[in-house]
C-alpha atoms as a PDB file:
ATOM      1  CA  MET A   1      18.919   7.588  14.727  1.00  0.00           C
ATOM      2  CA  ALA A   2      19.556   5.227  12.014  1.00  0.00           C
ATOM      3  CA  VAL A   3      18.144   5.904   8.453  1.00  0.00           C
ATOM      4  CA  ALA A   4      16.404   2.429   8.563  1.00  0.00           C
ATOM      5  CA  THR A   5      14.532   3.463  11.715  1.00  0.00           C
ATOM      6  CA  ILE A   6      13.340   6.678  10.181  1.00  0.00           C
ATOM      7  CA  TRP A   7      12.495   4.708   7.026  1.00  0.00           C
ATOM      8  CA  LEU A   8      10.276   2.328   8.954  1.00  0.00           C
ATOM      9  CA  ALA A   9       8.673   5.242  10.954  1.00  0.00           C
ATOM     10  CA  ALA A  10       7.904   7.207   7.743  1.00  0.00           C
ATOM     11  CA  LEU A  11       6.459   4.194   6.062  1.00  0.00           C
ATOM     12  CA  SER A  12       4.328   3.244   9.122  1.00  0.00           C
ATOM     13  CA  VAL A  13       2.971   6.756   9.619  1.00  0.00           C
ATOM     14  CA  THR A  14       2.217   7.597   5.995  1.00  0.00           C
ATOM     15  CA  SER A  15       0.695   4.244   5.089  1.00  0.00           C
ATOM     16  CA  GLY A  16      -1.167   4.033   8.443  1.00  0.00           C
ATOM     17  CA  LEU A  17      -2.757   7.489   7.486  1.00  0.00           C
ATOM     18  CA  GLY A  18      -3.639   6.076   4.092  1.00  0.00           C
ATOM     19  CA  ALA A  19      -5.401   3.074   5.636  1.00  0.00           C
ATOM     20  CA  LEU A  20      -7.223   5.294   8.033  1.00  0.00           C
ATOM     21  CA  LEU A  21      -8.383   7.639   5.180  1.00  0.00           C
ATOM     22  CA  ASP A  22      -9.433   4.695   3.188  1.00  0.00           C
ATOM     23  CA  VAL A  23     -11.516   3.296   5.996  1.00  0.00           C
ATOM     24  CA  VAL A  24     -13.137   6.696   6.952  1.00  0.00           C
ATOM     25  CA  THR A  25     -13.591   8.446   3.582  1.00  0.00           C
ATOM     26  CA  ARG A  26     -12.919   5.493   1.014  1.00  0.00           C
ATOM     27  CA  LYS A  27     -10.443   7.828  -0.666  1.00  0.00           C
ATOM     28  CA  LEU A  28      -6.699   7.701  -0.989  1.00  0.00           C
ATOM     29  CA  PRO A  29      -5.680  11.196  -1.787  1.00  0.00           C
ATOM     30  CA  ASN A  30      -3.064  11.897  -4.547  1.00  0.00           C
ATOM     31  CA  TRP A  31      -1.069  14.271  -2.247  1.00  0.00           C
ATOM     32  CA  LEU A  32      -0.423  11.385   0.232  1.00  0.00           C
ATOM     33  CA  SER A  33       0.634   9.018  -2.614  1.00  0.00           C
ATOM     34  CA  LEU A  34       3.035  11.759  -4.035  1.00  0.00           C
ATOM     35  CA  LEU A  35       4.396  12.405  -0.525  1.00  0.00           C
ATOM     36  CA  MET A  36       5.037   8.683  -0.066  1.00  0.00           C
ATOM     37  CA  LEU A  37       6.576   8.317  -3.436  1.00  0.00           C
ATOM     38  CA  VAL A  38       9.052  11.163  -2.915  1.00  0.00           C
ATOM     39  CA  GLY A  39       9.775   9.918   0.594  1.00  0.00           C
ATOM     40  CA  GLY A  40      10.321   6.363  -0.570  1.00  0.00           C
ATOM     41  CA  LEU A  41      12.607   7.369  -3.337  1.00  0.00           C
ATOM     42  CA  GLY A  42      14.510   9.649  -0.965  1.00  0.00           C
ATOM     43  CA  PHE A  43      15.075   6.771   1.411  1.00  0.00           C
ATOM     44  CA  GLY A  44      16.188   4.560  -1.478  1.00  0.00           C
ATOM     45  CA  PHE A  45      18.778   7.218  -2.333  1.00  0.00           C
ATOM     46  CA  ALA A  46      19.772   7.607   1.443  1.00  0.00           C
ATOM     47  CA  LEU A  47      20.207   3.875   1.892  1.00  0.00           C
ATOM     48  CA  ASP A  48      21.968   2.879  -1.351  1.00  0.00           C
ATOM     49  CA  GLY A  49      22.762   5.918  -3.409  1.00  0.00           C
ATOM     50  CA  TRP A  50      21.964   6.208  -7.091  1.00  0.00           C
ATOM     51  CA  THR A  51      21.540   2.492  -7.379  1.00  0.00           C
ATOM     52  CA  GLY A  52      19.067   2.438  -4.589  1.00  0.00           C
ATOM     53  CA  LEU A  53      17.105   5.287  -6.093  1.00  0.00           C
ATOM     54  CA  GLY A  54      16.869   3.366  -9.430  1.00  0.00           C
ATOM     55  CA  LEU A  55      15.830   0.175  -7.769  1.00  0.00           C
ATOM     56  CA  HIS A  56      13.158   1.947  -5.714  1.00  0.00           C
ATOM     57  CA  PHE A  57      11.976   3.884  -8.696  1.00  0.00           C
ATOM     58  CA  LEU A  58      11.703   0.672 -10.875  1.00  0.00           C
ATOM     59  CA  HIS A  59       9.617  -0.914  -8.236  1.00  0.00           C
ATOM     60  CA  ALA A  60       7.307   2.089  -8.026  1.00  0.00           C
ATOM     61  CA  VAL A  61       6.861   2.161 -11.813  1.00  0.00           C
ATOM     62  CA  LEU A  62       6.244  -1.567 -12.038  1.00  0.00           C
ATOM     63  CA  ALA A  63       3.735  -1.335  -9.146  1.00  0.00           C
ATOM     64  CA  LEU A  64       1.933   1.540 -10.857  1.00  0.00           C
ATOM     65  CA  GLY A  65       1.581  -0.619 -13.941  1.00  0.00           C
ATOM     66  CA  LEU A  66       0.394  -3.499 -12.023  1.00  0.00           C
ATOM     67  CA  GLY A  67      -1.995  -1.306 -10.111  1.00  0.00           C
ATOM     68  CA  TYR A  68      -3.317   0.131 -13.331  1.00  0.00           C
ATOM     69  CA  LEU A  69      -3.947  -3.345 -14.662  1.00  0.00           C
ATOM     70  CA  LEU A  70      -5.834  -4.207 -11.354  1.00  0.00           C
ATOM     71  CA  PHE A  71      -7.838  -1.147 -11.836  1.00  0.00           C
ATOM     72  CA  ILE A  72      -8.770  -1.907 -15.323  1.00  0.00           C
ATOM     73  CA  TRP A  73      -9.838  -5.411 -14.240  1.00  0.00           C
ATOM     74  CA  GLY A  74     -11.976  -3.943 -11.495  1.00  0.00           C
ATOM     75  CA  VAL A  75      -9.949  -5.328  -8.652  1.00  0.00           C
ATOM     76  CA  PHE A  76      -8.491  -2.102  -7.365  1.00  0.00           C
ATOM     77  CA  GLY A  77      -9.719   1.453  -7.381  1.00  0.00           C
ATOM     78  CA  GLY A  78      -7.547   4.083  -8.883  1.00  0.00           C
ATOM     79  CA  GLY A  79      -6.414   5.472  -5.528  1.00  0.00           C
ATOM     80  CA  ASP A  80      -5.431   1.858  -4.458  1.00  0.00           C
ATOM     81  CA  GLY A  81      -3.214   1.557  -7.566  1.00  0.00           C
ATOM     82  CA  LYS A  82      -1.414   4.905  -6.838  1.00  0.00           C
ATOM     83  CA  PHE A  83      -1.138   4.131  -3.145  1.00  0.00           C
ATOM     84  CA  TYR A  84       0.410   0.562  -3.885  1.00  0.00           C
ATOM     85  CA  ALA A  85       2.946   2.240  -6.177  1.00  0.00           C
ATOM     86  CA  ALA A  86       3.714   4.852  -3.386  1.00  0.00           C
ATOM     87  CA  CYS A  87       4.218   2.094  -0.840  1.00  0.00           C
ATOM     88  CA  ALA A  88       6.424   0.199  -3.387  1.00  0.00           C
ATOM     89  CA  ALA A  89       8.784   3.178  -3.621  1.00  0.00           C
ATOM     90  CA  PHE A  90       9.920   2.353  -0.082  1.00  0.00           C
ATOM     91  CA  PHE A  91      11.350  -0.996  -1.299  1.00  0.00           C
ATOM     92  CA  PRO A  92      13.883  -2.018  -4.065  1.00  0.00           C
ATOM     93  CA  VAL A  93      12.542  -3.951  -7.058  1.00  0.00           C
ATOM     94  CA  THR A  94      14.198  -7.030  -5.768  1.00  0.00           C
ATOM     95  CA  GLN A  95      11.415  -7.204  -3.107  1.00  0.00           C
ATOM     96  CA  MET A  96       8.557  -6.710  -5.531  1.00  0.00           C
ATOM     97  CA  LEU A  97       7.356 -10.337  -5.639  1.00  0.00           C
ATOM     98  CA  TRP A  98       7.323 -10.455  -1.730  1.00  0.00           C
ATOM     99  CA  HIS A  99       5.595  -7.155  -1.578  1.00  0.00           C
ATOM    100  CA  PHE A 100       2.908  -8.265  -3.837  1.00  0.00           C
ATOM    101  CA  VAL A 101       2.487 -11.589  -2.116  1.00  0.00           C
ATOM    102  CA  ILE A 102       2.351 -10.101   1.342  1.00  0.00           C
ATOM    103  CA  ILE A 103      -0.212  -7.463   0.304  1.00  0.00           C
ATOM    104  CA  THR A 104      -2.456 -10.155  -1.433  1.00  0.00           C
ATOM    105  CA  PHE A 105      -2.284 -12.286   1.693  1.00  0.00           C
ATOM    106  CA  ALA A 106      -3.216  -9.251   3.853  1.00  0.00           C
ATOM    107  CA  GLY A 107      -6.033  -8.516   1.479  1.00  0.00           C
ATOM    108  CA  LEU A 108      -7.300 -12.149   1.800  1.00  0.00           C
ATOM    109  CA  ILE A 109      -7.456 -11.787   5.538  1.00  0.00           C
ATOM    110  CA  LEU A 110      -8.960  -8.285   5.243  1.00  0.00           C
ATOM    111  CA  ALA A 111     -11.658  -9.741   2.869  1.00  0.00           C
ATOM    112  CA  ILE A 112     -12.583 -12.590   5.199  1.00  0.00           C
ATOM    113  CA  ILE A 113     -12.958 -10.219   8.065  1.00  0.00           C
ATOM    114  CA  TRP A 114     -14.849  -7.670   5.972  1.00  0.00           C
ATOM    115  CA  PHE A 115     -17.351 -10.061   4.532  1.00  0.00           C
ATOM    116  CA  THR A 116     -17.867 -11.868   7.781  1.00  0.00           C
ATOM    117  CA  ALA A 117     -18.511  -8.501   9.600  1.00  0.00           C
ATOM    118  CA  LYS A 118     -20.838  -7.302   6.808  1.00  0.00           C
ATOM    119  CA  ARG A 119     -22.857 -10.477   7.147  1.00  0.00           C
ATOM    120  CA  GLY A 120     -22.852 -10.395  11.016  1.00  0.00           C
ATOM    121  CA  PHE A 121     -24.036  -6.699  11.054  1.00  0.00           C
ATOM    122  CA  GLY A 122     -26.530  -7.101   8.223  1.00  0.00           C
ATOM    123  CA  LEU A 123     -24.464  -4.659   6.081  1.00  0.00           C
ATOM    124  CA  HIS A 124     -24.551  -6.968   3.041  1.00  0.00           C
ATOM    125  CA  LYS A 125     -28.019  -5.518   2.151  1.00  0.00           C
ATOM    126  CA  ARG A 126     -26.591  -2.028   1.914  1.00  0.00           C
ATOM    127  CA  LYS A 127     -26.769  -0.153  -1.446  1.00  0.00           C
ATOM    128  CA  LYS A 128     -23.703  -0.211  -3.534  1.00  0.00           C
ATOM    129  CA  ASP A 129     -22.171   3.110  -2.395  1.00  0.00           C
ATOM    130  CA  ASP A 130     -18.409   3.669  -1.664  1.00  0.00           C
ATOM    131  CA  PHE A 131     -18.847   2.365   1.829  1.00  0.00           C
ATOM    132  CA  ALA A 132     -20.005  -1.009   0.610  1.00  0.00           C
ATOM    133  CA  LYS A 133     -16.521  -1.487  -0.992  1.00  0.00           C
ATOM    134  CA  LEU A 134     -13.467  -3.245   0.680  1.00  0.00           C
ATOM    135  CA  PRO A 135     -11.007  -0.529   1.846  1.00  0.00           C
ATOM    136  CA  TYR A 136      -7.976  -2.266   0.289  1.00  0.00           C
ATOM    137  CA  GLY A 137      -5.723   0.483   1.286  1.00  0.00           C
ATOM    138  CA  VAL A 138      -5.674  -1.205   4.695  1.00  0.00           C
ATOM    139  CA  ALA A 139      -4.172  -4.370   3.093  1.00  0.00           C
ATOM    140  CA  ILE A 140      -1.684  -2.395   1.056  1.00  0.00           C
ATOM    141  CA  ALA A 141      -0.435  -0.454   4.148  1.00  0.00           C
ATOM    142  CA  SER A 142      -0.416  -3.464   6.494  1.00  0.00           C
ATOM    143  CA  GLY A 143       1.261  -5.667   3.897  1.00  0.00           C
ATOM    144  CA  SER A 144       3.950  -2.908   3.224  1.00  0.00           C
ATOM    145  CA  VAL A 145       4.690  -2.399   7.008  1.00  0.00           C
ATOM    146  CA  ALA A 146       4.819  -6.215   7.516  1.00  0.00           C
ATOM    147  CA  LEU A 147       7.383  -6.526   4.761  1.00  0.00           C
ATOM    148  CA  ALA A 148       9.332  -3.760   6.276  1.00  0.00           C
ATOM    149  CA  LEU A 149       9.342  -5.293   9.705  1.00  0.00           C
ATOM    150  CA  TYR A 150      10.311  -8.699   8.280  1.00  0.00           C
ATOM    151  CA  GLY A 151      13.087  -7.140   6.348  1.00  0.00           C
ATOM    152  CA  MET A 152      14.561  -5.439   9.410  1.00  0.00           C
ATOM    153  CA  GLN A 153      15.180  -8.780  11.177  1.00  0.00           C
END
């Protein structure tokens, strides 16, 4: 089995688990982000050696910085920022802009569906608890998998 196929499966399963946990618990656990970070960096090394490891690591570091800024500005939760960096570790820094754009687009679609559903089911009157918040991990996961699938063509 090719490394690229295993890479896609690992990204899909781990990010899918993150999306599911975000929907069900509104938490993105640190252990999952750490597992994904190590896995993404490992695949970077397996695909392109030390250069690949460096390019994947740089993307993860820059994504963590961007995620931290989005957290400070109140756009992301702390878990979202770490999860974004963990997903970024699966891609070299040369794909950083596309990764961010695709995740943002997925977030826009998610927000439209989320707020329409909240209105339709009368959930917009709900108290401001964790479940009133948009589970942005879904957008991060789906955007990351979409980029991976696009890149495999």
